[in-house]
Amino acid sequence: MSSGVKLPIKWMAIESIEDGIFTEKTDIWSFGITVWEVFNGGKTPYGGFSPTCVKTMISDGYRLEAPSNSACNDDIYQKTMLKCWERDPNERPTFAQVVTDIDTLLSNSVGYLNLTK
């Protein structure tokens, strides 16, 4: 990445930060961060850490912790957020897979709710 350009590092995938690669799989990473924000009441991800520190943290394998409230169950964290933050982009879901996963999670927790129609 060229110097002097401000980038939203805290929302960017590893390969975007390190190599300037932007794909659907990097968008999925950012989506996972946005989901984390929603379940944390709008808190800033990696609050208190500088972008440089965040880059090192995620390169070393650190991922945001699960939100500590009853709105976010373990399935949402494990099956949605963490999947979006896989180091290997090929291991991350597509948006279609995320819709299916969320549809299943909602159907199991609140009764039938089809998000694909």
N, C-alpha and C. Protein backbone atom coordinates (compact mmCIF):
# COMPACT_ATOMS: atom_id res chain seq x y z
N MET A 1 0.85 -1.17 0.00
CA MET A 1 0.00 0.00 0.00
C MET A 1 0.89 1.24 0.00
N SER A 2 0.53 2.23 -0.74
CA SER A 2 1.35 3.43 -0.82
C SER A 2 1.19 4.27 0.44
N SER A 3 2.26 4.92 0.82
CA SER A 3 2.23 5.74 2.02
C SER A 3 1.45 7.02 1.76
N GLY A 4 0.90 7.58 2.82
CA GLY A 4 0.16 8.82 2.70
C GLY A 4 -1.32 8.64 2.43
N VAL A 5 -1.73 7.43 2.06
CA VAL A 5 -3.14 7.15 1.81
C VAL A 5 -3.74 6.58 3.09
N LYS A 6 -4.82 7.19 3.57
CA LYS A 6 -5.46 6.69 4.77
C LYS A 6 -6.43 5.57 4.40
N LEU A 7 -6.26 4.42 5.04
CA LEU A 7 -7.09 3.26 4.78
C LEU A 7 -7.75 2.79 6.07
N PRO A 8 -8.93 2.18 5.96
CA PRO A 8 -9.63 1.68 7.15
C PRO A 8 -9.07 0.33 7.60
N ILE A 9 -7.84 0.34 8.08
CA ILE A 9 -7.10 -0.88 8.42
C ILE A 9 -7.91 -1.81 9.31
N LYS A 10 -8.63 -1.27 10.28
CA LYS A 10 -9.36 -2.10 11.24
C LYS A 10 -10.48 -2.91 10.60
N TRP A 11 -10.85 -2.58 9.39
CA TRP A 11 -11.92 -3.28 8.67
C TRP A 11 -11.37 -4.09 7.50
N MET A 12 -10.06 -4.05 7.29
CA MET A 12 -9.48 -4.66 6.09
C MET A 12 -8.93 -6.06 6.35
N ALA A 13 -9.04 -6.90 5.33
CA ALA A 13 -8.49 -8.26 5.38
C ALA A 13 -6.96 -8.21 5.32
N ILE A 14 -6.36 -9.28 5.78
CA ILE A 14 -4.90 -9.37 5.80
C ILE A 14 -4.29 -9.10 4.43
N GLU A 15 -4.85 -9.75 3.40
CA GLU A 15 -4.25 -9.60 2.06
C GLU A 15 -4.46 -8.20 1.49
N SER A 16 -5.48 -7.50 1.95
CA SER A 16 -5.67 -6.11 1.52
C SER A 16 -4.60 -5.22 2.13
N ILE A 17 -4.33 -5.44 3.41
CA ILE A 17 -3.33 -4.65 4.12
C ILE A 17 -1.93 -4.94 3.58
N GLU A 18 -1.61 -6.21 3.45
CA GLU A 18 -0.25 -6.60 3.09
C GLU A 18 0.06 -6.48 1.60
N ASP A 19 -0.93 -6.79 0.75
CA ASP A 19 -0.65 -6.89 -0.68
C ASP A 19 -1.53 -6.03 -1.58
N GLY A 20 -2.45 -5.27 -0.98
CA GLY A 20 -3.33 -4.42 -1.78
C GLY A 20 -4.34 -5.20 -2.61
N ILE A 21 -4.69 -6.40 -2.16
CA ILE A 21 -5.66 -7.24 -2.87
C ILE A 21 -7.06 -6.96 -2.32
N PHE A 22 -8.01 -6.73 -3.24
CA PHE A 22 -9.39 -6.47 -2.86
C PHE A 22 -10.31 -7.35 -3.70
N THR A 23 -11.04 -8.25 -3.05
CA THR A 23 -11.93 -9.19 -3.73
C THR A 23 -13.21 -9.35 -2.90
N GLU A 24 -14.12 -10.21 -3.38
CA GLU A 24 -15.30 -10.54 -2.59
C GLU A 24 -14.88 -11.11 -1.24
N LYS A 25 -13.80 -11.87 -1.21
CA LYS A 25 -13.34 -12.48 0.04
C LYS A 25 -12.81 -11.44 1.03
N THR A 26 -12.26 -10.33 0.53
CA THR A 26 -11.85 -9.26 1.44
C THR A 26 -13.08 -8.48 1.91
N ASP A 27 -14.08 -8.39 1.05
CA ASP A 27 -15.35 -7.76 1.46
C ASP A 27 -16.01 -8.57 2.56
N ILE A 28 -15.91 -9.90 2.47
CA ILE A 28 -16.48 -10.78 3.50
C ILE A 28 -15.79 -10.52 4.84
N TRP A 29 -14.47 -10.33 4.82
CA TRP A 29 -13.73 -10.00 6.05
C TRP A 29 -14.34 -8.73 6.66
N SER A 30 -14.50 -7.71 5.85
CA SER A 30 -15.05 -6.43 6.33
C SER A 30 -16.47 -6.61 6.84
N PHE A 31 -17.25 -7.45 6.17
CA PHE A 31 -18.61 -7.74 6.62
C PHE A 31 -18.58 -8.34 8.03
N GLY A 32 -17.66 -9.26 8.27
CA GLY A 32 -17.53 -9.86 9.60
C GLY A 32 -17.23 -8.81 10.66
N ILE A 33 -16.39 -7.84 10.33
CA ILE A 33 -16.09 -6.75 11.26
C ILE A 33 -17.35 -5.92 11.51
N THR A 34 -18.11 -5.66 10.46
CA THR A 34 -19.35 -4.89 10.61
C THR A 34 -20.36 -5.63 11.48
N VAL A 35 -20.47 -6.94 11.31
CA VAL A 35 -21.36 -7.75 12.16
C VAL A 35 -20.90 -7.63 13.61
N TRP A 36 -19.60 -7.69 13.83
CA TRP A 36 -19.05 -7.54 15.18
C TRP A 36 -19.46 -6.19 15.77
N GLU A 37 -19.34 -5.14 14.97
CA GLU A 37 -19.73 -3.79 15.42
C GLU A 37 -21.20 -3.74 15.82
N VAL A 38 -22.06 -4.33 14.99
CA VAL A 38 -23.50 -4.33 15.26
C VAL A 38 -23.78 -5.00 16.60
N PHE A 39 -23.19 -6.16 16.84
CA PHE A 39 -23.43 -6.88 18.08
C PHE A 39 -22.71 -6.28 19.28
N ASN A 40 -21.87 -5.30 19.05
CA ASN A 40 -21.20 -4.58 20.13
C ASN A 40 -21.73 -3.16 20.28
N GLY A 41 -22.90 -2.91 19.75
CA GLY A 41 -23.52 -1.60 19.93
C GLY A 41 -22.78 -0.46 19.27
N GLY A 42 -22.07 -0.75 18.17
CA GLY A 42 -21.38 0.30 17.44
C GLY A 42 -19.98 0.61 17.93
N LYS A 43 -19.44 -0.23 18.81
CA LYS A 43 -18.06 -0.01 19.27
C LYS A 43 -17.09 -0.12 18.10
N THR A 44 -15.99 0.60 18.20
CA THR A 44 -14.95 0.53 17.18
C THR A 44 -14.14 -0.75 17.37
N PRO A 45 -13.95 -1.52 16.29
CA PRO A 45 -13.14 -2.73 16.42
C PRO A 45 -11.69 -2.39 16.78
N TYR A 46 -11.10 -3.25 17.57
CA TYR A 46 -9.72 -3.07 18.01
C TYR A 46 -9.54 -1.72 18.70
N GLY A 47 -10.55 -1.31 19.46
CA GLY A 47 -10.52 -0.03 20.16
C GLY A 47 -9.25 0.13 20.98
N GLY A 48 -8.63 1.28 20.86
CA GLY A 48 -7.43 1.57 21.62
C GLY A 48 -6.13 1.13 20.95
N PHE A 49 -6.24 0.38 19.87
CA PHE A 49 -5.04 -0.07 19.16
C PHE A 49 -4.83 0.76 17.90
N SER A 50 -3.58 1.06 17.61
CA SER A 50 -3.26 1.82 16.40
C SER A 50 -3.40 0.91 15.18
N PRO A 51 -3.59 1.49 14.00
CA PRO A 51 -3.65 0.67 12.78
C PRO A 51 -2.41 -0.21 12.59
N THR A 52 -1.24 0.31 12.93
CA THR A 52 -0.01 -0.48 12.81
C THR A 52 -0.06 -1.70 13.72
N CYS A 53 -0.53 -1.49 14.93
CA CYS A 53 -0.65 -2.58 15.89
C CYS A 53 -1.68 -3.60 15.41
N VAL A 54 -2.80 -3.13 14.87
CA VAL A 54 -3.84 -4.03 14.36
C VAL A 54 -3.29 -4.89 13.24
N LYS A 55 -2.52 -4.31 12.35
CA LYS A 55 -1.92 -5.06 11.25
C LYS A 55 -1.09 -6.22 11.79
N THR A 56 -0.27 -5.95 12.78
CA THR A 56 0.56 -6.99 13.38
C THR A 56 -0.30 -8.03 14.08
N MET A 57 -1.30 -7.57 14.82
CA MET A 57 -2.16 -8.49 15.56
C MET A 57 -2.86 -9.49 14.63
N ILE A 58 -3.49 -8.99 13.56
CA ILE A 58 -4.23 -9.92 12.70
C ILE A 58 -3.28 -10.79 11.88
N SER A 59 -2.12 -10.27 11.54
CA SER A 59 -1.12 -11.09 10.84
C SER A 59 -0.63 -12.23 11.73
N ASP A 60 -0.60 -11.97 13.05
CA ASP A 60 -0.18 -12.98 14.02
C ASP A 60 -1.31 -13.91 14.43
N GLY A 61 -2.51 -13.72 13.87
CA GLY A 61 -3.62 -14.63 14.14
C GLY A 61 -4.66 -14.15 15.13
N TYR A 62 -4.47 -12.96 15.69
CA TYR A 62 -5.47 -12.45 16.63
C TYR A 62 -6.76 -12.13 15.89
N ARG A 63 -7.88 -12.47 16.52
CA ARG A 63 -9.19 -12.10 16.00
C ARG A 63 -9.98 -11.45 17.13
N LEU A 64 -10.88 -10.56 16.77
CA LEU A 64 -11.72 -9.90 17.76
C LEU A 64 -12.43 -10.94 18.61
N GLU A 65 -12.59 -10.63 19.89
CA GLU A 65 -13.29 -11.53 20.79
C GLU A 65 -14.79 -11.45 20.55
N ALA A 66 -15.48 -12.48 20.96
CA ALA A 66 -16.94 -12.51 20.82
C ALA A 66 -17.55 -11.38 21.65
N PRO A 67 -18.59 -10.74 21.12
CA PRO A 67 -19.29 -9.72 21.89
C PRO A 67 -19.81 -10.33 23.20
N SER A 68 -19.73 -9.57 24.26
CA SER A 68 -20.13 -10.09 25.57
C SER A 68 -21.53 -9.62 25.94
N ASN A 69 -22.49 -10.01 25.11
CA ASN A 69 -23.89 -9.70 25.42
C ASN A 69 -24.76 -10.85 24.95
N SER A 70 -25.98 -10.88 25.41
CA SER A 70 -26.87 -12.00 25.09
C SER A 70 -27.38 -11.97 23.66
N ALA A 71 -27.22 -10.86 22.95
CA ALA A 71 -27.70 -10.76 21.57
C ALA A 71 -26.86 -11.60 20.62
N CYS A 72 -25.60 -11.80 20.96
CA CYS A 72 -24.69 -12.55 20.08
C CYS A 72 -24.40 -13.91 20.70
N ASN A 73 -25.01 -14.94 20.13
CA ASN A 73 -24.72 -16.27 20.65
C ASN A 73 -23.45 -16.83 20.01
N ASP A 74 -23.02 -17.97 20.51
CA ASP A 74 -21.77 -18.56 20.04
C ASP A 74 -21.83 -18.93 18.56
N ASP A 75 -23.00 -19.34 18.08
CA ASP A 75 -23.14 -19.69 16.66
C ASP A 75 -22.87 -18.48 15.76
N ILE A 76 -23.39 -17.33 16.14
CA ILE A 76 -23.16 -16.13 15.33
C ILE A 76 -21.67 -15.80 15.29
N TYR A 77 -21.03 -15.92 16.44
CA TYR A 77 -19.60 -15.62 16.49
C TYR A 77 -18.78 -16.66 15.72
N GLN A 78 -19.01 -17.93 16.04
CA GLN A 78 -18.22 -19.01 15.43
C GLN A 78 -18.52 -19.21 13.95
N LYS A 79 -19.81 -19.22 13.60
CA LYS A 79 -20.21 -19.61 12.24
C LYS A 79 -20.33 -18.43 11.27
N THR A 80 -20.33 -17.23 11.81
CA THR A 80 -20.39 -16.07 10.91
C THR A 80 -19.11 -15.25 11.01
N MET A 81 -18.87 -14.65 12.17
CA MET A 81 -17.73 -13.75 12.29
C MET A 81 -16.39 -14.44 12.05
N LEU A 82 -16.11 -15.48 12.82
CA LEU A 82 -14.79 -16.12 12.69
C LEU A 82 -14.57 -16.72 11.31
N LYS A 83 -15.62 -17.24 10.68
CA LYS A 83 -15.48 -17.75 9.31
C LYS A 83 -15.06 -16.63 8.36
N CYS A 84 -15.59 -15.44 8.58
CA CYS A 84 -15.26 -14.29 7.72
C CYS A 84 -13.81 -13.86 7.89
N TRP A 85 -13.21 -14.20 9.02
CA TRP A 85 -11.85 -13.75 9.32
C TRP A 85 -10.80 -14.84 9.16
N GLU A 86 -11.10 -15.87 8.39
CA GLU A 86 -10.09 -16.91 8.13
C GLU A 86 -8.89 -16.27 7.42
N ARG A 87 -7.70 -16.70 7.79
CA ARG A 87 -6.50 -16.15 7.15
C ARG A 87 -6.49 -16.45 5.65
N ASP A 88 -6.84 -17.69 5.29
CA ASP A 88 -6.88 -18.09 3.89
C ASP A 88 -8.20 -17.62 3.27
N PRO A 89 -8.15 -16.73 2.30
CA PRO A 89 -9.38 -16.22 1.69
C PRO A 89 -10.28 -17.33 1.14
N ASN A 90 -9.68 -18.43 0.68
CA ASN A 90 -10.47 -19.53 0.14
C ASN A 90 -11.28 -20.25 1.20
N GLU A 91 -10.92 -20.06 2.46
CA GLU A 91 -11.66 -20.66 3.58
C GLU A 91 -12.82 -19.79 4.05
N ARG A 92 -12.86 -18.55 3.58
CA ARG A 92 -13.95 -17.65 3.96
C ARG A 92 -15.19 -17.96 3.13
N PRO A 93 -16.37 -17.72 3.70
CA PRO A 93 -17.60 -17.98 2.94
C PRO A 93 -17.83 -16.93 1.86
N THR A 94 -18.73 -17.25 0.95
CA THR A 94 -19.22 -16.26 0.00
C THR A 94 -20.38 -15.54 0.67
N PHE A 95 -20.85 -14.45 0.07
CA PHE A 95 -22.01 -13.78 0.62
C PHE A 95 -23.24 -14.69 0.57
N ALA A 96 -23.36 -15.49 -0.48
CA ALA A 96 -24.49 -16.43 -0.57
C ALA A 96 -24.44 -17.44 0.58
N GLN A 97 -23.25 -17.91 0.92
CA GLN A 97 -23.11 -18.84 2.05
C GLN A 97 -23.46 -18.16 3.37
N VAL A 98 -23.08 -16.90 3.52
CA VAL A 98 -23.40 -16.16 4.74
C VAL A 98 -24.91 -16.02 4.88
N VAL A 99 -25.60 -15.71 3.79
CA VAL A 99 -27.07 -15.60 3.83
C VAL A 99 -27.67 -16.93 4.28
N THR A 100 -27.20 -18.02 3.72
CA THR A 100 -27.70 -19.35 4.09
C THR A 100 -27.43 -19.63 5.57
N ASP A 101 -26.22 -19.33 6.03
CA ASP A 101 -25.87 -19.57 7.43
C ASP A 101 -26.73 -18.73 8.37
N ILE A 102 -26.91 -17.46 8.06
CA ILE A 102 -27.73 -16.59 8.92
C ILE A 102 -29.18 -17.04 8.88
N ASP A 103 -29.67 -17.43 7.71
CA ASP A 103 -31.04 -17.94 7.58
C ASP A 103 -31.23 -19.15 8.49
N THR A 104 -30.27 -20.05 8.48
CA THR A 104 -30.34 -21.25 9.33
C THR A 104 -30.31 -20.87 10.80
N LEU A 105 -29.40 -19.97 11.18
CA LEU A 105 -29.32 -19.53 12.57
C LEU A 105 -30.62 -18.90 13.04
N LEU A 106 -31.20 -18.04 12.21
CA LEU A 106 -32.46 -17.39 12.59
C LEU A 106 -33.61 -18.38 12.64
N SER A 107 -33.66 -19.29 11.69
CA SER A 107 -34.72 -20.29 11.67
C SER A 107 -34.68 -21.16 12.92
N ASN A 108 -33.47 -21.51 13.35
CA ASN A 108 -33.32 -22.35 14.53
C ASN A 108 -33.62 -21.61 15.82
N SER A 109 -33.45 -20.31 15.84
CA SER A 109 -33.62 -19.57 17.09
C SER A 109 -34.97 -18.86 17.21
N VAL A 110 -35.57 -18.46 16.11
CA VAL A 110 -36.83 -17.71 16.20
C VAL A 110 -37.95 -18.31 15.36
N GLY A 111 -37.79 -19.53 14.92
CA GLY A 111 -38.79 -20.10 14.04
C GLY A 111 -38.41 -19.84 12.60
N TYR A 112 -39.24 -20.19 11.70
CA TYR A 112 -38.90 -20.10 10.29
C TYR A 112 -38.93 -18.66 9.79
N LEU A 113 -37.84 -18.24 9.19
CA LEU A 113 -37.72 -16.92 8.59
C LEU A 113 -36.81 -17.07 7.38
N ASN A 114 -37.36 -17.09 6.19
CA ASN A 114 -36.59 -17.33 4.97
C ASN A 114 -36.04 -16.02 4.43
N LEU A 115 -34.72 -15.86 4.49
CA LEU A 115 -34.07 -14.64 4.01
C LEU A 115 -33.79 -14.65 2.52
N THR A 116 -34.01 -15.79 1.88
CA THR A 116 -33.67 -15.89 0.46
C THR A 116 -34.82 -15.53 -0.46
N LYS A 117 -35.96 -15.18 0.09
CA LYS A 117 -37.11 -14.80 -0.75
C LYS A 117 -37.38 -13.32 -0.63
